[in-house]
Amino acid sequence: MSLYESLVRRAWSSGEYRSGGAPGFDALREDGENLRLFIRSKIEWILERDGREAGAGTLRGRADRVSLARHVRFRDERRGGLLYETRSEKLFRLSPTGAAVLRELVDGAGVEEAVGRLKSRFRDPDGAIEREARAFIESLRSRGFLEMLDG
């Protein structure tokens, strides 16, 4: 397995993107930084090509609308999604549920509208979807992945 494959597998399985710590990797070598920058550029290119850019799909005039922070990229996938935080270079794998919440927000729904859409799409007899969706949105906001937009 090449150094590149080792780094990508480690990042994918751990959800953390860092070039150091791969088997056979010497963090003091100059080419390590170049490799890190190369891999980062490839991940950003893939996410920009296949994903959604920060702020895409937001609606005007909504008091509860949000957008992805400038340094965050979202990629919707068949079995969930990926969030890439470019400042720390971390990659987060989202469950299908988390991706559904984020997809609604990125597609332009305000928080209330997104929660309402999810509640109507899935059975929610005890209100768990609403509580969990709001907690997830607040978690993303508190980590700096989402920004509230001025209405």
Protein backbone atom coordinates (compact mmCIF):
# COMPACT_ATOMS: atom_id res chain seq x y z
CA MET A 1 0.00 0.00 0.00
CA SER A 2 1.37 3.41 -0.96
CA LEU A 3 1.79 6.28 1.49
CA TYR A 4 -1.07 8.09 -0.23
CA GLU A 5 -3.43 5.11 0.13
CA SER A 6 -2.43 4.73 3.76
CA LEU A 7 -3.22 8.39 4.51
CA VAL A 8 -6.55 8.29 2.73
CA ARG A 9 -7.63 5.06 4.46
CA ARG A 10 -6.64 6.43 7.86
CA ALA A 11 -8.47 9.72 7.24
CA TRP A 12 -11.57 7.92 6.00
CA SER A 13 -11.80 5.51 8.92
CA SER A 14 -10.93 7.98 11.67
CA GLY A 15 -12.71 11.06 10.32
CA GLU A 16 -9.53 13.01 10.99
CA TYR A 17 -7.38 14.35 8.20
CA ARG A 18 -3.73 14.73 9.07
CA SER A 19 -0.65 13.70 7.14
CA GLY A 20 1.40 12.75 10.21
CA GLY A 21 1.21 9.37 11.82
CA ALA A 22 0.85 7.20 8.73
CA PRO A 23 3.00 4.06 8.71
CA GLY A 24 6.47 4.91 7.42
CA PHE A 25 5.80 8.65 7.50
CA ASP A 26 8.52 10.98 8.77
CA ALA A 27 6.89 14.25 9.90
CA LEU A 28 10.22 16.07 9.72
CA ARG A 29 10.71 15.39 6.03
CA GLU A 30 10.01 18.33 3.76
CA ASP A 31 7.97 16.29 1.30
CA GLY A 32 5.48 15.53 4.08
CA GLU A 33 4.13 19.08 3.94
CA ASN A 34 3.92 18.94 0.16
CA LEU A 35 2.06 15.64 0.34
CA ARG A 36 -0.35 17.08 2.92
CA LEU A 37 -1.05 20.09 0.70
CA PHE A 38 -1.51 17.86 -2.34
CA ILE A 39 -3.99 15.58 -0.55
CA ARG A 40 -5.84 18.57 0.88
CA SER A 41 -6.19 20.11 -2.58
CA LYS A 42 -7.55 16.83 -3.97
CA ILE A 43 -10.11 16.47 -1.17
CA GLU A 44 -11.24 20.08 -1.61
CA TRP A 45 -11.49 19.61 -5.38
CA ILE A 46 -13.62 16.46 -4.99
CA LEU A 47 -15.91 18.10 -2.44
CA GLU A 48 -16.32 21.23 -4.56
CA ARG A 49 -17.00 19.16 -7.67
CA ASP A 50 -19.45 16.78 -6.05
CA GLY A 51 -20.64 18.77 -3.07
CA ARG A 52 -22.24 22.02 -2.24
CA GLU A 53 -20.40 25.26 -1.59
CA ALA A 54 -20.87 27.30 1.57
CA GLY A 55 -23.97 29.42 1.43
CA ALA A 56 -25.50 27.65 -1.57
CA GLY A 57 -29.24 27.40 -1.59
CA THR A 58 -30.08 29.80 1.23
CA LEU A 59 -33.34 31.72 1.12
CA ARG A 60 -33.74 35.46 1.56
CA GLY A 61 -35.92 36.94 4.27
CA ARG A 62 -35.92 34.04 6.73
CA ALA A 63 -35.01 34.75 10.33
CA ASP A 64 -33.88 31.20 11.04
CA ARG A 65 -31.84 30.45 7.95
CA VAL A 66 -28.33 29.14 8.14
CA SER A 67 -25.48 28.40 5.76
CA LEU A 68 -22.35 26.36 5.90
CA ALA A 69 -19.43 28.34 7.22
CA ARG A 70 -16.93 29.43 4.54
CA HIS A 71 -14.40 26.88 5.74
CA VAL A 72 -16.83 23.94 5.63
CA ARG A 73 -17.78 21.76 2.67
CA PHE A 74 -20.63 19.25 2.55
CA ARG A 75 -20.87 16.30 0.23
CA ASP A 76 -24.09 14.31 0.09
CA GLU A 77 -23.53 10.60 -0.41
CA ARG A 78 -25.72 7.56 -0.86
CA ARG A 79 -25.25 6.35 2.73
CA GLY A 80 -24.87 9.61 4.59
CA GLY A 81 -22.58 12.51 3.90
CA LEU A 82 -19.20 14.09 4.50
CA LEU A 83 -18.29 17.36 6.17
CA TYR A 84 -14.82 18.70 5.50
CA GLU A 85 -13.54 21.45 7.79
CA THR A 86 -10.72 23.11 5.84
CA ARG A 87 -9.08 25.00 8.72
CA SER A 88 -8.32 21.93 10.82
CA GLU A 89 -8.32 19.66 7.76
CA LYS A 90 -10.72 17.24 9.41
CA LEU A 91 -13.17 15.06 7.56
CA PHE A 92 -16.38 14.03 9.36
CA ARG A 93 -18.63 11.21 8.22
CA LEU A 94 -22.35 11.90 8.70
CA SER A 95 -25.01 9.29 9.28
CA PRO A 96 -27.90 9.20 6.80
CA THR A 97 -29.99 11.07 9.37
CA GLY A 98 -27.37 13.78 9.89
CA ALA A 99 -26.97 14.15 6.14
CA ALA A 100 -30.77 14.50 5.73
CA VAL A 101 -30.81 17.36 8.26
CA LEU A 102 -27.87 19.12 6.63
CA ARG A 103 -29.26 18.55 3.12
CA GLU A 104 -32.46 20.40 4.10
CA LEU A 105 -30.49 23.34 5.47
CA VAL A 106 -28.10 23.55 2.53
CA ASP A 107 -31.01 23.33 0.09
CA GLY A 108 -32.37 26.54 1.58
CA ALA A 109 -34.79 25.54 4.31
CA GLY A 110 -34.70 27.55 7.51
CA VAL A 111 -34.31 25.62 10.75
CA GLU A 112 -38.07 25.48 11.42
CA GLU A 113 -38.87 24.49 7.85
CA ALA A 114 -36.15 21.80 7.82
CA VAL A 115 -37.42 20.27 11.06
CA GLY A 116 -40.99 20.37 9.72
CA ARG A 117 -39.98 18.65 6.48
CA LEU A 118 -38.17 15.91 8.37
CA LYS A 119 -41.12 15.37 10.72
CA SER A 120 -43.49 15.04 7.76
CA ARG A 121 -41.19 12.66 5.89
CA PHE A 122 -40.54 10.30 8.81
CA ARG A 123 -42.89 9.01 11.50
CA ASP A 124 -42.21 10.83 14.74
CA PRO A 125 -44.80 9.86 17.38
CA ASP A 126 -42.73 10.97 20.38
CA GLY A 127 -41.04 14.06 18.90
CA ALA A 128 -37.57 12.49 18.82
CA ILE A 129 -36.82 13.69 15.28
CA GLU A 130 -37.48 17.29 16.22
CA ARG A 131 -35.36 17.13 19.39
CA GLU A 132 -32.46 15.33 17.71
CA ALA A 133 -32.50 17.52 14.59
CA ARG A 134 -32.43 20.69 16.70
CA ALA A 135 -29.63 19.28 18.88
CA PHE A 136 -27.63 18.32 15.78
CA ILE A 137 -28.10 21.77 14.22
CA GLU A 138 -27.03 23.44 17.48
CA SER A 139 -23.99 21.16 17.67
CA LEU A 140 -22.95 22.12 14.13
CA ARG A 141 -23.51 25.80 14.93
CA SER A 142 -21.53 25.66 18.18
CA ARG A 143 -18.61 23.99 16.40
CA GLY A 144 -18.59 26.78 13.82
CA PHE A 145 -19.78 24.60 10.92
CA LEU A 146 -23.03 26.56 10.47
CA GLU A 147 -23.57 30.29 10.55
CA MET A 148 -26.86 32.00 11.26
CA LEU A 149 -27.69 34.46 8.50
CA ASP A 150 -29.21 37.86 9.04
CA GLY A 151 -32.80 37.99 7.83
